[in-house]
Amino acid sequence: MRNRTVLVVFAMLAAMTAFVGPQALKGAAPRDPELIDAQGYQKLVEQYRGKPLLVNFWATWCEPCRHEYPMLNQLAKQYAPQGLKVVGVSLDDDGDLILMRRFLTRYKPVFPNYRKQAGGEEAFRQAALAGRTGALPASVFYAKDGRQVGHVLGEGSRETYETAIRSLLAAGAN
């Protein structure tokens, strides 16, 4: 009789775990970044008008992006009280969605991230990275009035970023 009771208790626990487990995991998973195209990117920049903005373009397959991203997260935390807004844009293909999810789960960004919609490469490049090559990572700095005022192509050092951020914040103070 005692063995039967123990067996019933284990069966109930197994059933409860199977029912509750997947739902608990769903609640903990971060949302996938919103898809944007060239027009969506322009709206994004417009949304932050009036604030100094740093937009970082990255991809999971880009090793320098993986090195730079934690530093950008630290800088976003450090300069947020002074008004800096940071946004990430993943250039991963749709097939890399699982890798992108892992990347974001690992680095836990304190800033919003988006992902480029497939197609429209030239229009997106003109809207976001006019006149630039396809090098990653790439960061673009926008003044409060929405103008592009600088960029960092390739992996930048903390000193390079801090100099650019301080300049951007100082220009916004005037």
C-alpha atoms as a PDB file:
ATOM      1  CA  MET A   1       0.000   0.000   0.000  1.00  0.00           C
ATOM      2  CA  ARG A   2       2.797   2.403   0.902  1.00  0.00           C
ATOM      3  CA  ASN A   3       4.557   1.749  -2.432  1.00  0.00           C
ATOM      4  CA  ARG A   4       1.315   2.491  -4.267  1.00  0.00           C
ATOM      5  CA  THR A   5       0.915   5.841  -2.417  1.00  0.00           C
ATOM      6  CA  VAL A   6       4.492   6.829  -3.221  1.00  0.00           C
ATOM      7  CA  LEU A   7       3.942   5.866  -6.860  1.00  0.00           C
ATOM      8  CA  VAL A   8       0.757   7.971  -7.052  1.00  0.00           C
ATOM      9  CA  VAL A   9       2.543  10.972  -5.489  1.00  0.00           C
ATOM     10  CA  PHE A  10       5.408  10.684  -8.012  1.00  0.00           C
ATOM     11  CA  ALA A  11       2.934  10.416 -10.882  1.00  0.00           C
ATOM     12  CA  MET A  12       1.132  13.550  -9.696  1.00  0.00           C
ATOM     13  CA  LEU A  13       4.406  15.459  -9.337  1.00  0.00           C
ATOM     14  CA  ALA A  14       5.491  14.381 -12.816  1.00  0.00           C
ATOM     15  CA  ALA A  15       2.171  15.510 -14.276  1.00  0.00           C
ATOM     16  CA  MET A  16       2.367  18.876 -12.491  1.00  0.00           C
ATOM     17  CA  THR A  17       5.953  19.419 -13.672  1.00  0.00           C
ATOM     18  CA  ALA A  18       5.012  18.645 -17.250  1.00  0.00           C
ATOM     19  CA  PHE A  19       2.094  21.073 -17.049  1.00  0.00           C
ATOM     20  CA  VAL A  20       3.805  23.941 -15.178  1.00  0.00           C
ATOM     21  CA  GLY A  21       7.368  23.632 -16.540  1.00  0.00           C
ATOM     22  CA  PRO A  22       6.930  24.827 -20.129  1.00  0.00           C
ATOM     23  CA  GLN A  23       4.729  27.747 -19.103  1.00  0.00           C
ATOM     24  CA  ALA A  24       7.273  28.897 -16.527  1.00  0.00           C
ATOM     25  CA  LEU A  25       9.967  28.856 -19.209  1.00  0.00           C
ATOM     26  CA  LYS A  26       7.801  30.866 -21.610  1.00  0.00           C
ATOM     27  CA  GLY A  27       7.358  33.615 -19.045  1.00  0.00           C
ATOM     28  CA  ALA A  28      11.112  33.886 -18.503  1.00  0.00           C
ATOM     29  CA  ALA A  29      12.061  34.116 -22.177  1.00  0.00           C
ATOM     30  CA  PRO A  30      12.809  37.596 -23.530  1.00  0.00           C
ATOM     31  CA  ARG A  31      10.724  38.890 -26.408  1.00  0.00           C
ATOM     32  CA  ASP A  32      12.189  38.704 -29.869  1.00  0.00           C
ATOM     33  CA  PRO A  33      13.345  42.097 -31.094  1.00  0.00           C
ATOM     34  CA  GLU A  34      10.889  43.904 -33.338  1.00  0.00           C
ATOM     35  CA  LEU A  35      11.599  43.728 -37.074  1.00  0.00           C
ATOM     36  CA  ILE A  36      12.405  47.006 -38.807  1.00  0.00           C
ATOM     37  CA  ASP A  37      13.057  47.991 -42.409  1.00  0.00           C
ATOM     38  CA  ALA A  38      14.512  51.262 -43.729  1.00  0.00           C
ATOM     39  CA  GLN A  39      11.317  53.169 -42.951  1.00  0.00           C
ATOM     40  CA  GLY A  40      11.136  51.586 -39.493  1.00  0.00           C
ATOM     41  CA  TYR A  41      14.708  52.642 -38.846  1.00  0.00           C
ATOM     42  CA  GLN A  42      13.923  56.248 -39.758  1.00  0.00           C
ATOM     43  CA  LYS A  43      10.918  56.158 -37.391  1.00  0.00           C
ATOM     44  CA  LEU A  44      13.173  54.749 -34.681  1.00  0.00           C
ATOM     45  CA  VAL A  45      15.638  57.605 -35.021  1.00  0.00           C
ATOM     46  CA  GLU A  46      12.751  60.087 -35.050  1.00  0.00           C
ATOM     47  CA  GLN A  47      11.356  58.509 -31.879  1.00  0.00           C
ATOM     48  CA  TYR A  48      14.560  59.486 -30.043  1.00  0.00           C
ATOM     49  CA  ARG A  49      14.724  63.032 -31.442  1.00  0.00           C
ATOM     50  CA  GLY A  50      15.542  65.424 -28.631  1.00  0.00           C
ATOM     51  CA  LYS A  51      17.932  62.940 -27.015  1.00  0.00           C
ATOM     52  CA  PRO A  52      21.517  62.003 -27.834  1.00  0.00           C
ATOM     53  CA  LEU A  53      21.411  58.566 -29.475  1.00  0.00           C
ATOM     54  CA  LEU A  54      23.894  55.770 -30.153  1.00  0.00           C
ATOM     55  CA  VAL A  55      22.715  53.026 -32.523  1.00  0.00           C
ATOM     56  CA  ASN A  56      24.845  49.881 -32.642  1.00  0.00           C
ATOM     57  CA  PHE A  57      24.576  47.421 -35.535  1.00  0.00           C
ATOM     58  CA  TRP A  58      25.644  43.896 -34.600  1.00  0.00           C
ATOM     59  CA  ALA A  59      25.277  40.232 -35.527  1.00  0.00           C
ATOM     60  CA  THR A  60      25.813  37.010 -33.607  1.00  0.00           C
ATOM     61  CA  TRP A  61      28.298  35.714 -36.194  1.00  0.00           C
ATOM     62  CA  CYS A  62      30.470  38.823 -35.773  1.00  0.00           C
ATOM     63  CA  GLU A  63      33.223  38.125 -33.239  1.00  0.00           C
ATOM     64  CA  PRO A  64      34.113  41.814 -32.698  1.00  0.00           C
ATOM     65  CA  CYS A  65      30.392  42.432 -32.011  1.00  0.00           C
ATOM     66  CA  ARG A  66      30.458  39.812 -29.274  1.00  0.00           C
ATOM     67  CA  HIS A  67      33.514  41.493 -27.723  1.00  0.00           C
ATOM     68  CA  GLU A  68      32.098  45.017 -27.939  1.00  0.00           C
ATOM     69  CA  TYR A  69      28.504  44.379 -26.839  1.00  0.00           C
ATOM     70  CA  PRO A  70      29.137  43.968 -23.069  1.00  0.00           C
ATOM     71  CA  MET A  71      31.068  47.253 -23.054  1.00  0.00           C
ATOM     72  CA  LEU A  72      28.196  49.010 -24.844  1.00  0.00           C
ATOM     73  CA  ASN A  73      25.840  47.659 -22.203  1.00  0.00           C
ATOM     74  CA  GLN A  74      28.080  49.134 -19.475  1.00  0.00           C
ATOM     75  CA  LEU A  75      28.289  52.473 -21.279  1.00  0.00           C
ATOM     76  CA  ALA A  76      24.503  52.541 -21.708  1.00  0.00           C
ATOM     77  CA  LYS A  77      24.128  52.132 -17.930  1.00  0.00           C
ATOM     78  CA  GLN A  78      26.848  54.659 -17.159  1.00  0.00           C
ATOM     79  CA  TYR A  79      25.598  57.443 -19.438  1.00  0.00           C
ATOM     80  CA  ALA A  80      21.828  56.923 -19.188  1.00  0.00           C
ATOM     81  CA  PRO A  81      21.570  59.369 -16.255  1.00  0.00           C
ATOM     82  CA  GLN A  82      23.081  62.041 -18.538  1.00  0.00           C
ATOM     83  CA  GLY A  83      20.453  61.388 -21.205  1.00  0.00           C
ATOM     84  CA  LEU A  84      22.219  59.019 -23.621  1.00  0.00           C
ATOM     85  CA  LYS A  85      19.917  56.565 -25.367  1.00  0.00           C
ATOM     86  CA  VAL A  86      21.364  53.389 -26.852  1.00  0.00           C
ATOM     87  CA  VAL A  87      19.635  51.089 -29.335  1.00  0.00           C
ATOM     88  CA  GLY A  88      20.892  47.849 -30.869  1.00  0.00           C
ATOM     89  CA  VAL A  89      20.011  46.579 -34.338  1.00  0.00           C
ATOM     90  CA  SER A  90      20.748  42.946 -35.159  1.00  0.00           C
ATOM     91  CA  LEU A  91      21.662  42.243 -38.765  1.00  0.00           C
ATOM     92  CA  ASP A  92      21.308  38.479 -38.312  1.00  0.00           C
ATOM     93  CA  ASP A  93      19.325  36.522 -40.885  1.00  0.00           C
ATOM     94  CA  ASP A  94      16.009  34.962 -39.870  1.00  0.00           C
ATOM     95  CA  GLY A  95      17.776  31.580 -39.791  1.00  0.00           C
ATOM     96  CA  ASP A  96      19.937  32.872 -36.928  1.00  0.00           C
ATOM     97  CA  LEU A  97      16.989  33.729 -34.696  1.00  0.00           C
ATOM     98  CA  ILE A  98      17.882  31.090 -32.097  1.00  0.00           C
ATOM     99  CA  LEU A  99      21.473  32.376 -31.948  1.00  0.00           C
ATOM    100  CA  MET A 100      20.199  35.941 -31.586  1.00  0.00           C
ATOM    101  CA  ARG A 101      17.949  34.881 -28.697  1.00  0.00           C
ATOM    102  CA  ARG A 102      20.906  33.212 -26.978  1.00  0.00           C
ATOM    103  CA  PHE A 103      23.058  36.296 -27.557  1.00  0.00           C
ATOM    104  CA  LEU A 104      20.488  38.596 -25.942  1.00  0.00           C
ATOM    105  CA  THR A 105      19.879  36.167 -23.081  1.00  0.00           C
ATOM    106  CA  ARG A 106      23.606  35.969 -22.428  1.00  0.00           C
ATOM    107  CA  TYR A 107      24.351  39.703 -22.526  1.00  0.00           C
ATOM    108  CA  LYS A 108      21.078  40.960 -20.986  1.00  0.00           C
ATOM    109  CA  PRO A 109      21.079  44.372 -22.687  1.00  0.00           C
ATOM    110  CA  VAL A 110      19.724  47.350 -20.765  1.00  0.00           C
ATOM    111  CA  PHE A 111      18.704  48.990 -24.042  1.00  0.00           C
ATOM    112  CA  PRO A 112      16.138  48.032 -26.686  1.00  0.00           C
ATOM    113  CA  ASN A 113      17.158  45.904 -29.633  1.00  0.00           C
ATOM    114  CA  TYR A 114      15.582  45.506 -33.051  1.00  0.00           C
ATOM    115  CA  ARG A 115      16.393  43.270 -35.974  1.00  0.00           C
ATOM    116  CA  LYS A 116      16.612  44.177 -39.608  1.00  0.00           C
ATOM    117  CA  GLN A 117      13.844  42.775 -41.749  1.00  0.00           C
ATOM    118  CA  ALA A 118      15.023  40.546 -44.599  1.00  0.00           C
ATOM    119  CA  GLY A 119      15.318  42.274 -47.976  1.00  0.00           C
ATOM    120  CA  GLY A 120      15.654  45.928 -48.876  1.00  0.00           C
ATOM    121  CA  GLU A 121      19.390  45.886 -48.186  1.00  0.00           C
ATOM    122  CA  GLU A 122      20.262  49.000 -50.185  1.00  0.00           C
ATOM    123  CA  ALA A 123      17.396  51.086 -48.790  1.00  0.00           C
ATOM    124  CA  PHE A 124      18.318  50.056 -45.240  1.00  0.00           C
ATOM    125  CA  ARG A 125      21.988  50.831 -45.801  1.00  0.00           C
ATOM    126  CA  GLN A 126      21.088  54.293 -47.131  1.00  0.00           C
ATOM    127  CA  ALA A 127      18.762  54.994 -44.199  1.00  0.00           C
ATOM    128  CA  ALA A 128      21.057  53.697 -41.492  1.00  0.00           C
ATOM    129  CA  LEU A 129      24.623  53.627 -42.744  1.00  0.00           C
ATOM    130  CA  ALA A 130      24.744  55.982 -45.721  1.00  0.00           C
ATOM    131  CA  GLY A 131      28.105  55.848 -47.470  1.00  0.00           C
ATOM    132  CA  ARG A 132      29.523  53.188 -45.150  1.00  0.00           C
ATOM    133  CA  THR A 133      30.789  49.693 -45.884  1.00  0.00           C
ATOM    134  CA  GLY A 134      29.254  46.524 -44.497  1.00  0.00           C
ATOM    135  CA  ALA A 135      31.803  46.297 -41.656  1.00  0.00           C
ATOM    136  CA  LEU A 136      30.469  45.201 -38.274  1.00  0.00           C
ATOM    137  CA  PRO A 137      30.085  46.207 -35.597  1.00  0.00           C
ATOM    138  CA  ALA A 138      29.073  49.691 -36.598  1.00  0.00           C
ATOM    139  CA  SER A 139      27.798  52.417 -34.303  1.00  0.00           C
ATOM    140  CA  VAL A 140      26.190  55.650 -35.383  1.00  0.00           C
ATOM    141  CA  PHE A 141      25.803  58.717 -33.157  1.00  0.00           C
ATOM    142  CA  TYR A 142      22.868  61.099 -33.527  1.00  0.00           C
ATOM    143  CA  ALA A 143      22.624  64.589 -32.058  1.00  0.00           C
ATOM    144  CA  LYS A 144      19.444  65.742 -30.340  1.00  0.00           C
ATOM    145  CA  ASP A 145      18.191  67.208 -33.618  1.00  0.00           C
ATOM    146  CA  GLY A 146      18.384  63.790 -35.321  1.00  0.00           C
ATOM    147  CA  ARG A 147      21.500  64.456 -37.418  1.00  0.00           C
ATOM    148  CA  GLN A 148      24.192  61.784 -37.721  1.00  0.00           C
ATOM    149  CA  VAL A 149      27.225  63.362 -36.105  1.00  0.00           C
ATOM    150  CA  GLY A 150      29.687  60.488 -35.911  1.00  0.00           C
ATOM    151  CA  HIS A 151      30.301  56.784 -36.168  1.00  0.00           C
ATOM    152  CA  VAL A 152      32.584  53.967 -35.106  1.00  0.00           C
ATOM    153  CA  LEU A 153      33.177  51.260 -37.715  1.00  0.00           C
ATOM    154  CA  GLY A 154      34.593  47.976 -36.516  1.00  0.00           C
ATOM    155  CA  GLU A 155      35.249  47.171 -32.881  1.00  0.00           C
ATOM    156  CA  GLY A 156      35.875  50.369 -30.965  1.00  0.00           C
ATOM    157  CA  SER A 157      37.772  50.745 -27.720  1.00  0.00           C
ATOM    158  CA  ARG A 158      36.111  51.982 -24.567  1.00  0.00           C
ATOM    159  CA  GLU A 159      38.157  55.176 -24.867  1.00  0.00           C
ATOM    160  CA  THR A 160      36.922  55.758 -28.433  1.00  0.00           C
ATOM    161  CA  TYR A 161      33.320  55.321 -27.359  1.00  0.00           C
ATOM    162  CA  GLU A 162      33.636  57.446 -24.225  1.00  0.00           C
ATOM    163  CA  THR A 163      35.222  60.285 -26.198  1.00  0.00           C
ATOM    164  CA  ALA A 164      32.416  60.147 -28.772  1.00  0.00           C
ATOM    165  CA  ILE A 165      29.707  59.909 -26.093  1.00  0.00           C
ATOM    166  CA  ARG A 166      31.107  62.815 -24.081  1.00  0.00           C
ATOM    167  CA  SER A 167      31.284  64.916 -27.228  1.00  0.00           C
ATOM    168  CA  LEU A 168      27.711  63.985 -28.113  1.00  0.00           C
ATOM    169  CA  LEU A 169      26.468  64.838 -24.615  1.00  0.00           C
ATOM    170  CA  ALA A 170      28.406  68.123 -24.544  1.00  0.00           C
ATOM    171  CA  ALA A 171      26.928  69.150 -27.908  1.00  0.00           C
ATOM    172  CA  GLY A 172      23.461  68.400 -26.541  1.00  0.00           C
ATOM    173  CA  ALA A 173      24.052  70.573 -23.484  1.00  0.00           C
ATOM    174  CA  ASN A 174      24.466  73.706 -25.601  1.00  0.00           C
END
